[in-house]
Amino acid sequence: MKKFLSILMVMTIFLASAFTPKTTSVHEVEADIVDLAVATEFLSTLVAAVKAGDLVEVLKGDGPFTVFAPTNDAFAKLPAGTVENLLKPENKAQLVAVLTYHVVPGKVMSKDLKNGQKAKTVQGSEVTVTLKDGKAMINNATVTTADIEASNGVVHVIDTVILPKM
């Protein structure tokens, strides 16, 4: 009986310590835009494109940046072969133009958007914001998830790849 109580006490102490919440530092580093995208399975095509365009270090920079992040399904809507062609080294300039068209300097939260607003992208062209029926659109892309904050800006997930006029 004494042995049983000893085992029971050890097990109780073990279980109590295993389920005690761990404290975390107040100074924990928040993920940057690239880290957020890498950790999100449905943004893996965007991550591959950012890597192919050598934009990882730029998007890990201080910012702040606002990124309209197309999902894998958004890339799949493009005509067959488009993504593969953009990822080829000889098309890097075109890829960079497409990707930087999805980035606006500064941190623009959804509450800051106005219907008809124009925003100049890092690529140099403007995108147009449309607010309708409680949804925000950037050109022809609908924002499906807004205001994902990162240490160096904000990400808004969109359902369509937006393309600059080239």
C-alpha atoms as a PDB file:
ATOM      1  CA  MET A   1       0.000   0.000   0.000  1.00  0.00           C
ATOM      2  CA  LYS A   2       2.851   2.367   0.889  1.00  0.00           C
ATOM      3  CA  LYS A   3       4.477   1.679  -2.496  1.00  0.00           C
ATOM      4  CA  PHE A   4       1.177   2.354  -4.265  1.00  0.00           C
ATOM      5  CA  LEU A   5       0.773   5.726  -2.488  1.00  0.00           C
ATOM      6  CA  SER A   6       4.350   6.674  -3.380  1.00  0.00           C
ATOM      7  CA  ILE A   7       3.730   5.871  -7.047  1.00  0.00           C
ATOM      8  CA  LEU A   8       0.432   7.747  -6.950  1.00  0.00           C
ATOM      9  CA  MET A   9       2.134  10.814  -5.438  1.00  0.00           C
ATOM     10  CA  VAL A  10       4.920  10.756  -8.046  1.00  0.00           C
ATOM     11  CA  MET A  11       2.337  10.439 -10.838  1.00  0.00           C
ATOM     12  CA  THR A  12       0.313  13.332  -9.413  1.00  0.00           C
ATOM     13  CA  ILE A  13       3.379  15.584  -9.249  1.00  0.00           C
ATOM     14  CA  PHE A  14       4.373  14.563 -12.787  1.00  0.00           C
ATOM     15  CA  LEU A  15       0.903  15.226 -14.225  1.00  0.00           C
ATOM     16  CA  ALA A  16       0.589  18.524 -12.385  1.00  0.00           C
ATOM     17  CA  SER A  17       3.904  19.744 -13.770  1.00  0.00           C
ATOM     18  CA  ALA A  18       3.099  18.505 -17.279  1.00  0.00           C
ATOM     19  CA  PHE A  19      -0.132  20.496 -17.428  1.00  0.00           C
ATOM     20  CA  THR A  20       1.045  23.643 -15.712  1.00  0.00           C
ATOM     21  CA  PRO A  21       1.016  26.525 -18.197  1.00  0.00           C
ATOM     22  CA  LYS A  22       4.471  27.704 -19.180  1.00  0.00           C
ATOM     23  CA  THR A  23       5.183  31.392 -18.853  1.00  0.00           C
ATOM     24  CA  THR A  24       6.512  33.216 -21.888  1.00  0.00           C
ATOM     25  CA  SER A  25       8.634  36.284 -22.154  1.00  0.00           C
ATOM     26  CA  VAL A  26       6.925  39.595 -22.756  1.00  0.00           C
ATOM     27  CA  HIS A  27       9.657  40.262 -25.322  1.00  0.00           C
ATOM     28  CA  GLU A  28       8.716  37.375 -27.631  1.00  0.00           C
ATOM     29  CA  VAL A  29       9.375  38.225 -31.280  1.00  0.00           C
ATOM     30  CA  GLU A  30       6.309  38.337 -33.484  1.00  0.00           C
ATOM     31  CA  ALA A  31       6.513  36.679 -36.920  1.00  0.00           C
ATOM     32  CA  ASP A  32       7.288  38.835 -39.941  1.00  0.00           C
ATOM     33  CA  ILE A  33       5.303  38.698 -43.196  1.00  0.00           C
ATOM     34  CA  VAL A  34       7.461  35.952 -44.721  1.00  0.00           C
ATOM     35  CA  ASP A  35       7.354  33.795 -41.579  1.00  0.00           C
ATOM     36  CA  LEU A  36       3.549  34.090 -41.489  1.00  0.00           C
ATOM     37  CA  ALA A  37       3.274  33.029 -45.130  1.00  0.00           C
ATOM     38  CA  VAL A  38       5.697  30.124 -44.674  1.00  0.00           C
ATOM     39  CA  ALA A  39       3.611  28.884 -41.727  1.00  0.00           C
ATOM     40  CA  THR A  40       0.397  29.004 -43.790  1.00  0.00           C
ATOM     41  CA  GLU A  41      -0.096  25.975 -46.051  1.00  0.00           C
ATOM     42  CA  PHE A  42      -2.548  27.719 -48.403  1.00  0.00           C
ATOM     43  CA  LEU A  43       0.080  30.382 -49.205  1.00  0.00           C
ATOM     44  CA  SER A  44       2.791  27.922 -50.313  1.00  0.00           C
ATOM     45  CA  THR A  45       2.645  29.001 -53.976  1.00  0.00           C
ATOM     46  CA  LEU A  46       3.142  32.622 -52.919  1.00  0.00           C
ATOM     47  CA  VAL A  47       6.103  31.572 -50.768  1.00  0.00           C
ATOM     48  CA  ALA A  48       7.664  29.704 -53.714  1.00  0.00           C
ATOM     49  CA  ALA A  49       7.187  32.779 -55.914  1.00  0.00           C
ATOM     50  CA  VAL A  50       8.691  35.125 -53.316  1.00  0.00           C
ATOM     51  CA  LYS A  51      11.723  32.831 -53.056  1.00  0.00           C
ATOM     52  CA  ALA A  52      12.078  32.601 -56.863  1.00  0.00           C
ATOM     53  CA  GLY A  53      11.862  36.400 -57.099  1.00  0.00           C
ATOM     54  CA  ASP A  54      14.555  36.839 -54.430  1.00  0.00           C
ATOM     55  CA  LEU A  55      12.155  38.953 -52.363  1.00  0.00           C
ATOM     56  CA  VAL A  56      12.441  37.081 -49.066  1.00  0.00           C
ATOM     57  CA  GLU A  57      14.915  39.508 -47.488  1.00  0.00           C
ATOM     58  CA  VAL A  58      12.937  42.521 -48.722  1.00  0.00           C
ATOM     59  CA  LEU A  59       9.707  41.233 -47.147  1.00  0.00           C
ATOM     60  CA  LYS A  60      11.567  40.363 -43.959  1.00  0.00           C
ATOM     61  CA  GLY A  61      12.757  43.986 -43.813  1.00  0.00           C
ATOM     62  CA  ASP A  62      11.567  46.654 -41.423  1.00  0.00           C
ATOM     63  CA  GLY A  63       8.622  47.782 -43.545  1.00  0.00           C
ATOM     64  CA  PRO A  64       5.964  48.410 -42.715  1.00  0.00           C
ATOM     65  CA  PHE A  65       4.318  46.674 -45.665  1.00  0.00           C
ATOM     66  CA  THR A  66       0.758  45.797 -46.567  1.00  0.00           C
ATOM     67  CA  VAL A  67       0.648  42.556 -48.540  1.00  0.00           C
ATOM     68  CA  PHE A  68      -2.359  41.319 -50.487  1.00  0.00           C
ATOM     69  CA  ALA A  69      -1.529  37.610 -50.371  1.00  0.00           C
ATOM     70  CA  PRO A  70      -3.091  35.363 -53.035  1.00  0.00           C
ATOM     71  CA  THR A  71      -3.882  31.809 -51.942  1.00  0.00           C
ATOM     72  CA  ASN A  72      -2.805  28.651 -53.760  1.00  0.00           C
ATOM     73  CA  ASP A  73      -6.339  28.509 -55.223  1.00  0.00           C
ATOM     74  CA  ALA A  74      -5.899  32.063 -56.516  1.00  0.00           C
ATOM     75  CA  PHE A  75      -2.739  31.048 -58.354  1.00  0.00           C
ATOM     76  CA  ALA A  76      -4.552  27.956 -59.690  1.00  0.00           C
ATOM     77  CA  LYS A  77      -7.144  30.249 -61.354  1.00  0.00           C
ATOM     78  CA  LEU A  78      -4.448  31.691 -63.650  1.00  0.00           C
ATOM     79  CA  PRO A  79      -4.257  30.217 -67.161  1.00  0.00           C
ATOM     80  CA  ALA A  80      -2.456  26.869 -67.326  1.00  0.00           C
ATOM     81  CA  GLY A  81       1.324  27.236 -67.273  1.00  0.00           C
ATOM     82  CA  THR A  82       1.334  30.847 -66.028  1.00  0.00           C
ATOM     83  CA  VAL A  83       2.834  30.105 -62.605  1.00  0.00           C
ATOM     84  CA  GLU A  84       5.406  27.714 -64.040  1.00  0.00           C
ATOM     85  CA  ASN A  85       6.464  30.316 -66.621  1.00  0.00           C
ATOM     86  CA  LEU A  86       6.714  33.092 -64.024  1.00  0.00           C
ATOM     87  CA  LEU A  87       8.942  30.887 -61.852  1.00  0.00           C
ATOM     88  CA  LYS A  88      11.504  30.391 -64.630  1.00  0.00           C
ATOM     89  CA  PRO A  89      14.741  32.339 -64.035  1.00  0.00           C
ATOM     90  CA  GLU A  90      14.444  34.127 -67.376  1.00  0.00           C
ATOM     91  CA  ASN A  91      11.063  35.575 -66.294  1.00  0.00           C
ATOM     92  CA  LYS A  92      12.247  36.857 -62.913  1.00  0.00           C
ATOM     93  CA  ALA A  93      11.619  40.532 -63.761  1.00  0.00           C
ATOM     94  CA  GLN A  94       8.011  39.778 -64.703  1.00  0.00           C
ATOM     95  CA  LEU A  95       7.561  37.684 -61.531  1.00  0.00           C
ATOM     96  CA  VAL A  96       8.944  40.492 -59.383  1.00  0.00           C
ATOM     97  CA  ALA A  97       6.569  42.957 -61.075  1.00  0.00           C
ATOM     98  CA  VAL A  98       3.569  40.713 -60.316  1.00  0.00           C
ATOM     99  CA  LEU A  99       4.623  40.126 -56.703  1.00  0.00           C
ATOM    100  CA  THR A 100       5.449  43.755 -55.925  1.00  0.00           C
ATOM    101  CA  TYR A 101       2.038  44.721 -57.361  1.00  0.00           C
ATOM    102  CA  HIS A 102       0.623  42.894 -54.305  1.00  0.00           C
ATOM    103  CA  VAL A 103       2.576  45.089 -51.851  1.00  0.00           C
ATOM    104  CA  VAL A 104       1.742  48.601 -50.669  1.00  0.00           C
ATOM    105  CA  PRO A 105       4.198  50.593 -48.541  1.00  0.00           C
ATOM    106  CA  GLY A 106       2.907  51.266 -45.027  1.00  0.00           C
ATOM    107  CA  LYS A 107       0.517  49.380 -42.785  1.00  0.00           C
ATOM    108  CA  VAL A 108      -3.037  49.650 -44.127  1.00  0.00           C
ATOM    109  CA  MET A 109      -5.638  47.980 -41.931  1.00  0.00           C
ATOM    110  CA  SER A 110      -9.101  47.137 -43.272  1.00  0.00           C
ATOM    111  CA  LYS A 111     -10.675  49.913 -41.175  1.00  0.00           C
ATOM    112  CA  ASP A 112      -8.496  52.390 -43.119  1.00  0.00           C
ATOM    113  CA  LEU A 113      -9.889  51.381 -46.524  1.00  0.00           C
ATOM    114  CA  LYS A 114     -12.287  53.681 -48.360  1.00  0.00           C
ATOM    115  CA  ASN A 115     -14.469  52.844 -51.351  1.00  0.00           C
ATOM    116  CA  GLY A 116     -12.771  53.980 -54.559  1.00  0.00           C
ATOM    117  CA  GLN A 117      -9.449  54.508 -52.796  1.00  0.00           C
ATOM    118  CA  LYS A 118      -6.319  54.145 -54.916  1.00  0.00           C
ATOM    119  CA  ALA A 119      -3.084  52.842 -53.448  1.00  0.00           C
ATOM    120  CA  LYS A 120       0.295  52.956 -55.131  1.00  0.00           C
ATOM    121  CA  THR A 121       2.050  49.588 -55.016  1.00  0.00           C
ATOM    122  CA  VAL A 122       5.758  48.888 -54.678  1.00  0.00           C
ATOM    123  CA  GLN A 123       5.646  47.864 -58.366  1.00  0.00           C
ATOM    124  CA  GLY A 124       4.671  51.454 -59.225  1.00  0.00           C
ATOM    125  CA  SER A 125       1.102  51.027 -60.451  1.00  0.00           C
ATOM    126  CA  GLU A 126      -2.034  51.638 -58.425  1.00  0.00           C
ATOM    127  CA  VAL A 127      -4.638  49.212 -57.124  1.00  0.00           C
ATOM    128  CA  THR A 128      -8.237  50.239 -56.522  1.00  0.00           C
ATOM    129  CA  VAL A 129     -10.217  49.434 -53.386  1.00  0.00           C
ATOM    130  CA  THR A 130     -13.923  48.659 -53.688  1.00  0.00           C
ATOM    131  CA  LEU A 131     -16.111  48.235 -50.613  1.00  0.00           C
ATOM    132  CA  LYS A 132     -19.430  46.517 -51.284  1.00  0.00           C
ATOM    133  CA  ASP A 133     -21.815  44.419 -49.194  1.00  0.00           C
ATOM    134  CA  GLY A 134     -19.378  44.317 -46.287  1.00  0.00           C
ATOM    135  CA  LYS A 135     -16.535  42.987 -48.454  1.00  0.00           C
ATOM    136  CA  ALA A 136     -13.351  44.638 -49.574  1.00  0.00           C
ATOM    137  CA  MET A 137     -11.944  44.099 -53.040  1.00  0.00           C
ATOM    138  CA  ILE A 138      -8.530  44.999 -54.369  1.00  0.00           C
ATOM    139  CA  ASN A 139      -9.031  45.368 -58.131  1.00  0.00           C
ATOM    140  CA  ASN A 140     -10.877  42.128 -58.989  1.00  0.00           C
ATOM    141  CA  ALA A 141      -9.734  40.167 -55.904  1.00  0.00           C
ATOM    142  CA  THR A 142     -11.883  39.730 -52.808  1.00  0.00           C
ATOM    143  CA  VAL A 143     -10.225  40.001 -49.412  1.00  0.00           C
ATOM    144  CA  THR A 144     -11.108  36.719 -47.704  1.00  0.00           C
ATOM    145  CA  THR A 145      -9.145  37.294 -44.479  1.00  0.00           C
ATOM    146  CA  ALA A 146      -8.107  40.762 -43.359  1.00  0.00           C
ATOM    147  CA  ASP A 147      -5.750  42.296 -40.845  1.00  0.00           C
ATOM    148  CA  ILE A 148      -3.271  39.491 -40.142  1.00  0.00           C
ATOM    149  CA  GLU A 149      -0.685  41.510 -38.282  1.00  0.00           C
ATOM    150  CA  ALA A 150       3.025  40.816 -38.610  1.00  0.00           C
ATOM    151  CA  SER A 151       6.021  42.418 -36.954  1.00  0.00           C
ATOM    152  CA  ASN A 152       6.706  44.397 -40.138  1.00  0.00           C
ATOM    153  CA  GLY A 153       3.220  45.089 -41.485  1.00  0.00           C
ATOM    154  CA  VAL A 154      -0.080  43.454 -42.250  1.00  0.00           C
ATOM    155  CA  VAL A 155      -1.351  40.723 -44.588  1.00  0.00           C
ATOM    156  CA  HIS A 156      -4.755  40.584 -46.258  1.00  0.00           C
ATOM    157  CA  VAL A 157      -5.482  37.230 -47.935  1.00  0.00           C
ATOM    158  CA  ILE A 158      -7.094  37.540 -51.383  1.00  0.00           C
ATOM    159  CA  ASP A 159      -8.818  35.010 -53.639  1.00  0.00           C
ATOM    160  CA  THR A 160      -7.371  36.144 -56.980  1.00  0.00           C
ATOM    161  CA  VAL A 161      -3.908  37.061 -58.238  1.00  0.00           C
ATOM    162  CA  ILE A 162      -3.990  40.709 -59.286  1.00  0.00           C
ATOM    163  CA  LEU A 163      -1.932  41.516 -62.356  1.00  0.00           C
ATOM    164  CA  PRO A 164      -0.413  44.862 -63.280  1.00  0.00           C
ATOM    165  CA  LYS A 165      -0.828  46.180 -66.794  1.00  0.00           C
ATOM    166  CA  MET A 166       2.435  45.417 -68.547  1.00  0.00           C
END
